[in-house]
N, C-alpha and C. Protein backbone atom coordinates (compact mmCIF):
# COMPACT_ATOMS: atom_id res chain seq x y z
N MET A 1 0.86 -1.18 0.00
CA MET A 1 0.00 0.00 0.00
C MET A 1 0.90 1.24 0.00
N THR A 2 0.65 2.13 -0.93
CA THR A 2 1.47 3.32 -1.02
C THR A 2 1.01 4.37 -0.02
N ARG A 3 1.82 5.37 0.15
CA ARG A 3 1.51 6.43 1.11
C ARG A 3 0.22 7.18 0.72
N ASP A 4 0.02 7.41 -0.58
CA ASP A 4 -1.18 8.11 -1.04
C ASP A 4 -2.44 7.32 -0.73
N ASN A 5 -2.40 6.01 -0.88
CA ASN A 5 -3.57 5.19 -0.57
C ASN A 5 -3.90 5.24 0.92
N LYS A 6 -2.86 5.26 1.77
CA LYS A 6 -3.10 5.33 3.21
C LYS A 6 -3.76 6.65 3.59
N ILE A 7 -3.32 7.74 2.97
CA ILE A 7 -3.90 9.05 3.27
C ILE A 7 -5.36 9.10 2.85
N LYS A 8 -5.66 8.59 1.66
CA LYS A 8 -7.04 8.60 1.16
C LYS A 8 -7.95 7.72 2.01
N LYS A 9 -7.41 6.64 2.52
CA LYS A 9 -8.20 5.70 3.31
C LYS A 9 -8.67 6.30 4.62
N TYR A 10 -7.84 7.15 5.25
CA TYR A 10 -8.15 7.65 6.57
C TYR A 10 -8.73 9.05 6.60
N LEU A 11 -8.82 9.72 5.45
CA LEU A 11 -9.45 11.04 5.42
C LEU A 11 -10.97 10.86 5.44
N PRO A 12 -11.68 11.58 6.27
CA PRO A 12 -13.13 11.43 6.30
C PRO A 12 -13.77 11.96 5.01
N GLN A 13 -14.77 11.26 4.54
CA GLN A 13 -15.49 11.64 3.34
C GLN A 13 -16.92 12.00 3.72
N ALA A 14 -17.44 13.05 3.13
CA ALA A 14 -18.81 13.47 3.40
C ALA A 14 -19.79 12.47 2.79
N LYS A 15 -20.84 12.15 3.52
CA LYS A 15 -21.86 11.22 3.02
C LYS A 15 -23.08 11.97 2.50
N SER A 16 -23.09 13.27 2.62
CA SER A 16 -24.21 14.06 2.14
C SER A 16 -23.86 14.71 0.81
N VAL A 17 -24.87 14.92 0.00
CA VAL A 17 -24.70 15.53 -1.32
C VAL A 17 -25.87 16.48 -1.58
N PHE A 18 -25.79 17.20 -2.66
CA PHE A 18 -26.91 18.02 -3.11
C PHE A 18 -27.50 17.36 -4.35
N TYR A 19 -28.83 17.41 -4.49
CA TYR A 19 -29.52 16.83 -5.63
C TYR A 19 -30.22 17.93 -6.42
N LEU A 20 -30.20 17.80 -7.74
CA LEU A 20 -31.07 18.61 -8.59
C LEU A 20 -32.30 17.76 -8.82
N VAL A 21 -33.44 18.21 -8.29
CA VAL A 21 -34.67 17.42 -8.31
C VAL A 21 -35.71 18.11 -9.18
N GLN A 22 -36.40 17.31 -9.99
CA GLN A 22 -37.47 17.84 -10.84
C GLN A 22 -38.81 17.54 -10.17
N CYS A 23 -39.64 18.55 -10.10
CA CYS A 23 -40.96 18.43 -9.47
C CYS A 23 -41.84 17.50 -10.32
N PRO A 24 -42.53 16.53 -9.68
CA PRO A 24 -43.39 15.62 -10.44
C PRO A 24 -44.66 16.29 -10.96
N LYS A 25 -45.04 17.40 -10.36
CA LYS A 25 -46.28 18.06 -10.75
C LYS A 25 -46.08 19.09 -11.86
N CYS A 26 -45.14 20.03 -11.67
CA CYS A 26 -44.99 21.12 -12.64
C CYS A 26 -43.72 21.02 -13.49
N GLY A 27 -42.77 20.17 -13.10
CA GLY A 27 -41.56 19.98 -13.89
C GLY A 27 -40.44 20.97 -13.63
N SER A 28 -40.62 21.91 -12.71
CA SER A 28 -39.55 22.85 -12.40
C SER A 28 -38.45 22.12 -11.62
N ARG A 29 -37.24 22.65 -11.69
CA ARG A 29 -36.09 22.01 -11.04
C ARG A 29 -35.61 22.83 -9.87
N GLN A 30 -35.13 22.12 -8.84
CA GLN A 30 -34.68 22.78 -7.62
C GLN A 30 -33.55 21.96 -7.00
N VAL A 31 -32.55 22.62 -6.45
CA VAL A 31 -31.45 21.95 -5.76
C VAL A 31 -31.82 21.79 -4.30
N ILE A 32 -31.71 20.55 -3.78
CA ILE A 32 -32.02 20.29 -2.39
C ILE A 32 -30.90 19.46 -1.76
N PHE A 33 -30.80 19.50 -0.44
CA PHE A 33 -29.79 18.79 0.33
C PHE A 33 -30.28 17.37 0.62
N SER A 34 -29.38 16.39 0.52
CA SER A 34 -29.77 14.99 0.70
C SER A 34 -30.23 14.67 2.13
N HIS A 35 -29.74 15.41 3.11
CA HIS A 35 -30.11 15.18 4.50
C HIS A 35 -30.95 16.35 5.03
N ALA A 36 -31.96 16.75 4.28
CA ALA A 36 -32.80 17.89 4.66
C ALA A 36 -33.48 17.61 6.00
N THR A 37 -33.56 18.64 6.85
CA THR A 37 -34.17 18.47 8.17
C THR A 37 -35.56 19.09 8.25
N ILE A 38 -35.99 19.74 7.18
CA ILE A 38 -37.35 20.27 7.11
C ILE A 38 -37.96 19.84 5.77
N GLU A 39 -39.27 19.89 5.67
CA GLU A 39 -39.92 19.55 4.41
C GLU A 39 -39.53 20.57 3.34
N VAL A 40 -39.16 20.07 2.16
CA VAL A 40 -38.79 20.93 1.05
C VAL A 40 -39.94 20.89 0.04
N ARG A 41 -40.43 22.06 -0.33
CA ARG A 41 -41.53 22.16 -1.27
C ARG A 41 -41.09 22.89 -2.53
N CYS A 42 -41.76 22.60 -3.62
CA CYS A 42 -41.46 23.24 -4.90
C CYS A 42 -41.75 24.74 -4.79
N LEU A 43 -40.85 25.54 -5.35
CA LEU A 43 -41.03 26.99 -5.29
C LEU A 43 -42.14 27.48 -6.21
N SER A 44 -42.48 26.70 -7.23
CA SER A 44 -43.51 27.11 -8.19
C SER A 44 -44.91 26.69 -7.77
N CYS A 45 -45.08 25.41 -7.43
CA CYS A 45 -46.43 24.89 -7.19
C CYS A 45 -46.67 24.40 -5.76
N ASN A 46 -45.67 24.49 -4.90
CA ASN A 46 -45.78 24.11 -3.48
C ASN A 46 -45.97 22.61 -3.27
N GLU A 47 -45.59 21.78 -4.24
CA GLU A 47 -45.65 20.32 -4.12
C GLU A 47 -44.50 19.84 -3.22
N LEU A 48 -44.72 18.82 -2.41
CA LEU A 48 -43.70 18.27 -1.51
C LEU A 48 -42.63 17.55 -2.33
N LEU A 49 -41.36 17.97 -2.17
CA LEU A 49 -40.24 17.35 -2.88
C LEU A 49 -39.40 16.45 -1.99
N ALA A 50 -39.26 16.79 -0.71
CA ALA A 50 -38.46 15.99 0.21
C ALA A 50 -39.02 16.10 1.61
N LYS A 51 -38.95 14.98 2.33
CA LYS A 51 -39.45 14.93 3.70
C LYS A 51 -38.36 14.34 4.58
N PRO A 52 -38.07 14.95 5.74
CA PRO A 52 -37.01 14.42 6.62
C PRO A 52 -37.41 13.08 7.23
N THR A 53 -36.41 12.21 7.42
CA THR A 53 -36.67 10.90 8.01
C THR A 53 -35.76 10.61 9.20
N GLY A 54 -34.91 11.55 9.57
CA GLY A 54 -33.97 11.34 10.66
C GLY A 54 -32.56 11.13 10.15
N GLY A 55 -32.42 10.81 8.89
CA GLY A 55 -31.12 10.65 8.24
C GLY A 55 -31.24 11.29 6.87
N LYS A 56 -31.16 10.47 5.85
CA LYS A 56 -31.37 10.97 4.49
C LYS A 56 -32.86 11.29 4.32
N ALA A 57 -33.13 12.35 3.60
CA ALA A 57 -34.51 12.75 3.36
C ALA A 57 -35.14 11.85 2.30
N LYS A 58 -36.44 11.63 2.40
CA LYS A 58 -37.20 10.89 1.39
C LYS A 58 -37.48 11.86 0.25
N ILE A 59 -36.98 11.55 -0.95
CA ILE A 59 -37.12 12.41 -2.11
C ILE A 59 -38.34 11.96 -2.92
N TYR A 60 -39.26 12.88 -3.20
CA TYR A 60 -40.48 12.55 -3.93
C TYR A 60 -40.40 12.94 -5.40
N GLY A 61 -39.47 13.81 -5.76
CA GLY A 61 -39.30 14.19 -7.16
C GLY A 61 -38.28 13.30 -7.84
N GLN A 62 -38.04 13.54 -9.11
CA GLN A 62 -37.06 12.78 -9.87
C GLN A 62 -35.69 13.44 -9.71
N ILE A 63 -34.67 12.67 -9.33
CA ILE A 63 -33.32 13.19 -9.19
C ILE A 63 -32.70 13.28 -10.57
N ILE A 64 -32.36 14.50 -10.98
CA ILE A 64 -31.78 14.75 -12.30
C ILE A 64 -30.26 14.66 -12.24
N GLU A 65 -29.65 15.25 -11.22
CA GLU A 65 -28.19 15.31 -11.13
C GLU A 65 -27.77 15.28 -9.66
N VAL A 66 -26.57 14.77 -9.40
CA VAL A 66 -26.02 14.70 -8.05
C VAL A 66 -24.77 15.54 -8.02
N TYR A 67 -24.68 16.46 -7.04
CA TYR A 67 -23.50 17.32 -6.86
C TYR A 67 -22.76 16.86 -5.61
N LYS A 68 -21.54 16.35 -5.79
CA LYS A 68 -20.75 15.87 -4.65
C LYS A 68 -19.81 16.92 -4.18
């Protein structure tokens, strides 16, 4: 094992990401956090996009892109 592999192995990595989510009702897109702690609603039609579950949020829209 090389020195670079050891460094990468022990550095903490974030488990949370941001998602670009498309609303199932109106089709508008919005960036939301994967571990949202409050209900996230669409800015256009007020449809529920994500609901907190204690860890990762339950996503109700379609995930278009993931930003790490």
